[in-house]
Amino acid sequence: MKVRMTRVDKGLPLPAYHTPGAVAFDLYPRVSAVIPPRETVLLPANFIIEVPEGYALILANRSGTGKKKGLTMANGIGVIDQDYHGPQDEIHLLVRNFTDQPVKVERGERIAQGFIVPVERAEFEELAEIKKDSRGGFGSTG
């Protein structure tokens, strides 16, 4: 699949899959930053992407970012829609420092990853009731 994109800073590489079996490509900030303890910072990820029709771009943590740096994606995951690719729609990473120390993030450092996944739009049908009995509500299986 070919995906159209534009880099904001041509001095940084395109997002890339770093092993033959990788299912996600690495993302990195366009700028260096110090993230204060327990704070959240929005870091520009250096690209505008035209997500193909029928797909979404999901932004997620890299597995080592939390352990090595004490950082996580503040919103859990990011969801990039198919129509978010205008001239001012640079992808950003909402990063939270969950430590008690400032954390330095370097320009071009791999701190997140992206997945391009197929999606379908649901057509909702409202009913008076789905079924007669219930499993027991929230937390009923554990």
Foldseek 3Di string as FASTA:
>chain_A
DDKDKDFPDPVADDFDQDDPPDQWTFFAFQAKDKAAEQHKDKGFRGMFIQQDPQKKKKKFWDVCLCVPFQKGQPVHIDIHDNPQGDPPRGDITTMGRHDNGITIGHRNDGTMIMHIGGDDDDDDDDDPDDDDDDCPDPPSPD
